[in-house]
Amino acid sequence: MEPGPVSTVPTPTPHDYRAAPRRELLDALTAADAVLVDARHGIGAPRTAADVARAALVALATARALAEMLLSFEWLSQTEAIRNGATLADVAAASGLDVDEVLAGLRSRIAGQVEHGCMTRDDGDELLAEIDRAEMARRLRERHGGTAPASPQG
């Protein structure tokens, strides 16, 4: 790798890639990582310092954009898991969070979706009711040594 002038190309940011499909982000990240690995190990044609720096910046920005994109779907996956019988403890474990963080995040996300018109108030209330039922079931299981008593409705 030969030293070269600093690139005059603007530094990419995760925001630059927000509208890109996941496949394009993965492809861009893979290509940028390949440049970095090749340069580090002297594989292929020599690269200028500016080329390697640019590849590193693209790798950083695309990786962050991809992470943000994937995490933006986390709340949907969490609510679907809860709606389909997963416990809050299961959802928290799969999310790498504790139950209180999952609850706070879901409630905040639902409020934001309603506030910005992405979800109706009725849909938000219905989803909050499901989350509240899951939380009540969790508390009952904790109170009764890991097993919830029979439902008063059942």
C-alpha atoms as a PDB file:
ATOM      1  CA  MET A   1       0.000   0.000   0.000  1.00  0.00           C
ATOM      2  CA  GLU A   2       1.528   3.257  -1.061  1.00  0.00           C
ATOM      3  CA  PRO A   3       0.848   6.475   0.819  1.00  0.00           C
ATOM      4  CA  GLY A   4      -1.347   8.911  -1.012  1.00  0.00           C
ATOM      5  CA  PRO A   5      -3.202  12.141  -0.529  1.00  0.00           C
ATOM      6  CA  VAL A   6      -6.257  12.212   1.660  1.00  0.00           C
ATOM      7  CA  SER A   7      -9.427  11.676  -0.336  1.00  0.00           C
ATOM      8  CA  THR A   8     -11.487  14.700  -1.225  1.00  0.00           C
ATOM      9  CA  VAL A   9     -14.587  12.503  -1.549  1.00  0.00           C
ATOM     10  CA  PRO A  10     -17.077  13.284   1.237  1.00  0.00           C
ATOM     11  CA  THR A  11     -17.032  10.858   4.148  1.00  0.00           C
ATOM     12  CA  PRO A  12     -20.019   8.501   3.985  1.00  0.00           C
ATOM     13  CA  THR A  13     -22.386   8.366   6.934  1.00  0.00           C
ATOM     14  CA  PRO A  14     -24.951   5.717   7.906  1.00  0.00           C
ATOM     15  CA  HIS A  15     -27.633   8.208   6.857  1.00  0.00           C
ATOM     16  CA  ASP A  16     -26.290   8.078   3.287  1.00  0.00           C
ATOM     17  CA  TYR A  17     -27.234   4.405   3.132  1.00  0.00           C
ATOM     18  CA  ARG A  18     -30.599   4.373   4.946  1.00  0.00           C
ATOM     19  CA  ALA A  19     -32.675   3.961   1.788  1.00  0.00           C
ATOM     20  CA  ALA A  20     -30.513   1.155   0.398  1.00  0.00           C
ATOM     21  CA  PRO A  21     -31.913  -2.372   0.390  1.00  0.00           C
ATOM     22  CA  ARG A  22     -30.289  -4.814   2.821  1.00  0.00           C
ATOM     23  CA  ARG A  23     -28.760  -6.822  -0.015  1.00  0.00           C
ATOM     24  CA  GLU A  24     -26.981  -3.713  -1.350  1.00  0.00           C
ATOM     25  CA  LEU A  25     -25.704  -2.865   2.121  1.00  0.00           C
ATOM     26  CA  LEU A  26     -24.370  -6.379   2.576  1.00  0.00           C
ATOM     27  CA  ASP A  27     -22.724  -6.277  -0.847  1.00  0.00           C
ATOM     28  CA  ALA A  28     -21.131  -2.873  -0.137  1.00  0.00           C
ATOM     29  CA  LEU A  29     -19.879  -4.049   3.252  1.00  0.00           C
ATOM     30  CA  THR A  30     -18.461  -7.252   1.750  1.00  0.00           C
ATOM     31  CA  ALA A  31     -16.679  -5.327  -1.023  1.00  0.00           C
ATOM     32  CA  ALA A  32     -15.244  -2.780   1.411  1.00  0.00           C
ATOM     33  CA  ASP A  33     -14.093  -5.531   3.788  1.00  0.00           C
ATOM     34  CA  ALA A  34     -12.425  -7.331   0.879  1.00  0.00           C
ATOM     35  CA  VAL A  35     -10.410  -4.207   0.059  1.00  0.00           C
ATOM     36  CA  LEU A  36      -9.345  -3.923   3.707  1.00  0.00           C
ATOM     37  CA  VAL A  37      -8.330  -7.581   3.995  1.00  0.00           C
ATOM     38  CA  ASP A  38      -6.502  -7.520   0.659  1.00  0.00           C
ATOM     39  CA  ALA A  39      -4.627  -4.353   1.595  1.00  0.00           C
ATOM     40  CA  ARG A  40      -3.730  -5.648   5.060  1.00  0.00           C
ATOM     41  CA  HIS A  41      -2.328  -8.908   3.669  1.00  0.00           C
ATOM     42  CA  GLY A  42      -0.813  -7.585   0.426  1.00  0.00           C
ATOM     43  CA  ILE A  43      -3.228  -9.525  -1.776  1.00  0.00           C
ATOM     44  CA  GLY A  44      -4.010  -8.327  -5.289  1.00  0.00           C
ATOM     45  CA  ALA A  45      -3.090  -5.022  -6.830  1.00  0.00           C
ATOM     46  CA  PRO A  46      -1.522  -2.434  -4.539  1.00  0.00           C
ATOM     47  CA  ARG A  47      -3.970   0.114  -3.147  1.00  0.00           C
ATOM     48  CA  THR A  48      -3.369   3.726  -2.260  1.00  0.00           C
ATOM     49  CA  ALA A  49      -3.841   4.869   1.311  1.00  0.00           C
ATOM     50  CA  ALA A  50      -6.797   6.929   0.106  1.00  0.00           C
ATOM     51  CA  ASP A  51      -8.430   3.805  -1.401  1.00  0.00           C
ATOM     52  CA  VAL A  52      -7.996   1.875   1.831  1.00  0.00           C
ATOM     53  CA  ALA A  53      -9.206   4.776   3.962  1.00  0.00           C
ATOM     54  CA  ARG A  54     -12.260   5.154   1.736  1.00  0.00           C
ATOM     55  CA  ALA A  55     -12.997   1.421   1.976  1.00  0.00           C
ATOM     56  CA  ALA A  56     -12.709   1.585   5.766  1.00  0.00           C
ATOM     57  CA  LEU A  57     -15.115   4.533   5.926  1.00  0.00           C
ATOM     58  CA  VAL A  58     -17.599   2.790   3.633  1.00  0.00           C
ATOM     59  CA  ALA A  59     -17.323  -0.360   5.783  1.00  0.00           C
ATOM     60  CA  LEU A  60     -18.036   1.669   8.928  1.00  0.00           C
ATOM     61  CA  ALA A  61     -20.978   3.555   7.467  1.00  0.00           C
ATOM     62  CA  THR A  62     -22.601   0.555   5.775  1.00  0.00           C
ATOM     63  CA  ALA A  63     -22.158  -1.663   8.823  1.00  0.00           C
ATOM     64  CA  ARG A  64     -23.807   0.963  11.027  1.00  0.00           C
ATOM     65  CA  ALA A  65     -26.637   1.526   8.531  1.00  0.00           C
ATOM     66  CA  LEU A  66     -27.228  -2.215   8.295  1.00  0.00           C
ATOM     67  CA  ALA A  67     -27.237  -2.566  12.080  1.00  0.00           C
ATOM     68  CA  GLU A  68     -29.704   0.310  12.426  1.00  0.00           C
ATOM     69  CA  MET A  69     -31.931  -1.202   9.751  1.00  0.00           C
ATOM     70  CA  LEU A  70     -31.961  -4.606  11.382  1.00  0.00           C
ATOM     71  CA  LEU A  71     -32.558  -3.180  14.836  1.00  0.00           C
ATOM     72  CA  SER A  72     -35.463  -1.100  13.549  1.00  0.00           C
ATOM     73  CA  PHE A  73     -37.292  -4.370  12.906  1.00  0.00           C
ATOM     74  CA  GLU A  74     -36.528  -5.648  16.397  1.00  0.00           C
ATOM     75  CA  TRP A  75     -39.631  -4.192  17.982  1.00  0.00           C
ATOM     76  CA  LEU A  76     -41.845  -5.808  15.321  1.00  0.00           C
ATOM     77  CA  SER A  77     -40.227  -9.185  15.972  1.00  0.00           C
ATOM     78  CA  GLN A  78     -40.650  -8.683  19.702  1.00  0.00           C
ATOM     79  CA  THR A  79     -44.358  -7.870  19.410  1.00  0.00           C
ATOM     80  CA  GLU A  80     -44.974 -10.793  17.030  1.00  0.00           C
ATOM     81  CA  ALA A  81     -43.238 -13.139  19.455  1.00  0.00           C
ATOM     82  CA  ILE A  82     -45.405 -11.874  22.321  1.00  0.00           C
ATOM     83  CA  ARG A  83     -48.579 -12.052  20.228  1.00  0.00           C
ATOM     84  CA  ASN A  84     -47.791 -15.657  19.416  1.00  0.00           C
ATOM     85  CA  GLY A  85     -47.139 -16.891  22.929  1.00  0.00           C
ATOM     86  CA  ALA A  86     -43.487 -16.147  23.688  1.00  0.00           C
ATOM     87  CA  THR A  87     -42.863 -14.953  27.209  1.00  0.00           C
ATOM     88  CA  LEU A  88     -41.315 -11.585  27.962  1.00  0.00           C
ATOM     89  CA  ALA A  89     -38.331 -13.436  29.414  1.00  0.00           C
ATOM     90  CA  ASP A  90     -37.908 -15.290  26.100  1.00  0.00           C
ATOM     91  CA  VAL A  91     -38.141 -12.048  24.135  1.00  0.00           C
ATOM     92  CA  ALA A  92     -35.694 -10.309  26.457  1.00  0.00           C
ATOM     93  CA  ALA A  93     -33.184 -13.170  26.198  1.00  0.00           C
ATOM     94  CA  ALA A  94     -33.422 -13.264  22.391  1.00  0.00           C
ATOM     95  CA  SER A  95     -32.987  -9.468  22.293  1.00  0.00           C
ATOM     96  CA  GLY A  96     -30.012  -9.426  24.659  1.00  0.00           C
ATOM     97  CA  LEU A  97     -31.961  -7.176  27.037  1.00  0.00           C
ATOM     98  CA  ASP A  98     -33.700  -7.501  30.349  1.00  0.00           C
ATOM     99  CA  VAL A  99     -37.483  -7.585  30.593  1.00  0.00           C
ATOM    100  CA  ASP A 100     -37.776  -3.996  31.817  1.00  0.00           C
ATOM    101  CA  GLU A 101     -35.757  -2.765  28.820  1.00  0.00           C
ATOM    102  CA  VAL A 102     -37.994  -4.710  26.434  1.00  0.00           C
ATOM    103  CA  LEU A 103     -41.141  -3.310  28.059  1.00  0.00           C
ATOM    104  CA  ALA A 104     -39.858   0.265  28.037  1.00  0.00           C
ATOM    105  CA  GLY A 105     -38.690  -0.039  24.436  1.00  0.00           C
ATOM    106  CA  LEU A 106     -41.958  -1.519  23.197  1.00  0.00           C
ATOM    107  CA  ARG A 107     -44.082   1.067  24.975  1.00  0.00           C
ATOM    108  CA  SER A 108     -41.921   3.897  23.661  1.00  0.00           C
ATOM    109  CA  ARG A 109     -41.952   2.530  20.117  1.00  0.00           C
ATOM    110  CA  ILE A 110     -45.735   2.089  20.119  1.00  0.00           C
ATOM    111  CA  ALA A 111     -46.241   5.626  21.438  1.00  0.00           C
ATOM    112  CA  GLY A 112     -43.959   6.960  18.693  1.00  0.00           C
ATOM    113  CA  GLN A 113     -45.745   4.960  16.000  1.00  0.00           C
ATOM    114  CA  VAL A 114     -49.110   6.348  17.131  1.00  0.00           C
ATOM    115  CA  GLU A 115     -47.765   9.890  17.490  1.00  0.00           C
ATOM    116  CA  HIS A 116     -46.323   9.881  13.973  1.00  0.00           C
ATOM    117  CA  GLY A 117     -49.399   8.321  12.386  1.00  0.00           C
ATOM    118  CA  CYS A 118     -47.735   5.009  11.555  1.00  0.00           C
ATOM    119  CA  MET A 119     -50.194   3.153  13.781  1.00  0.00           C
ATOM    120  CA  THR A 120     -53.745   3.977  14.798  1.00  0.00           C
ATOM    121  CA  ARG A 121     -54.514   4.726  18.436  1.00  0.00           C
ATOM    122  CA  ASP A 122     -56.752   1.618  18.529  1.00  0.00           C
ATOM    123  CA  ASP A 123     -53.981  -0.605  17.151  1.00  0.00           C
ATOM    124  CA  GLY A 124     -51.519   0.892  19.624  1.00  0.00           C
ATOM    125  CA  ASP A 125     -53.909   0.341  22.523  1.00  0.00           C
ATOM    126  CA  GLU A 126     -54.510  -3.253  21.415  1.00  0.00           C
ATOM    127  CA  LEU A 127     -50.791  -3.924  21.247  1.00  0.00           C
ATOM    128  CA  LEU A 128     -50.198  -2.291  24.629  1.00  0.00           C
ATOM    129  CA  ALA A 129     -52.951  -4.489  26.095  1.00  0.00           C
ATOM    130  CA  GLU A 130     -51.175  -7.590  24.747  1.00  0.00           C
ATOM    131  CA  ILE A 131     -47.909  -6.417  26.262  1.00  0.00           C
ATOM    132  CA  ASP A 132     -49.650  -5.725  29.571  1.00  0.00           C
ATOM    133  CA  ARG A 133     -51.141  -9.266  29.524  1.00  0.00           C
ATOM    134  CA  ALA A 134     -47.685 -10.711  28.893  1.00  0.00           C
ATOM    135  CA  GLU A 135     -46.282  -8.653  31.758  1.00  0.00           C
ATOM    136  CA  MET A 136     -49.080  -9.795  34.076  1.00  0.00           C
ATOM    137  CA  ALA A 137     -48.428 -13.432  33.133  1.00  0.00           C
ATOM    138  CA  ARG A 138     -44.722 -12.929  33.857  1.00  0.00           C
ATOM    139  CA  ARG A 139     -45.433 -11.484  37.282  1.00  0.00           C
ATOM    140  CA  LEU A 140     -47.832 -14.314  38.096  1.00  0.00           C
ATOM    141  CA  ARG A 141     -45.208 -16.894  37.077  1.00  0.00           C
ATOM    142  CA  GLU A 142     -42.628 -15.174  39.269  1.00  0.00           C
ATOM    143  CA  ARG A 143     -45.029 -15.029  42.200  1.00  0.00           C
ATOM    144  CA  HIS A 144     -45.950 -18.708  41.839  1.00  0.00           C
ATOM    145  CA  GLY A 145     -42.468 -20.142  41.408  1.00  0.00           C
ATOM    146  CA  GLY A 146     -42.253 -20.234  37.640  1.00  0.00           C
ATOM    147  CA  THR A 147     -45.704 -21.569  36.847  1.00  0.00           C
ATOM    148  CA  ALA A 148     -48.718 -19.357  36.402  1.00  0.00           C
ATOM    149  CA  PRO A 149     -51.993 -20.431  37.994  1.00  0.00           C
ATOM    150  CA  ALA A 150     -54.904 -21.289  35.742  1.00  0.00           C
ATOM    151  CA  SER A 151     -56.474 -18.287  34.045  1.00  0.00           C
ATOM    152  CA  PRO A 152     -59.570 -16.963  35.821  1.00  0.00           C
ATOM    153  CA  GLN A 153     -61.261 -16.946  32.400  1.00  0.00           C
ATOM    154  CA  GLY A 154     -60.321 -20.535  31.606  1.00  0.00           C
END
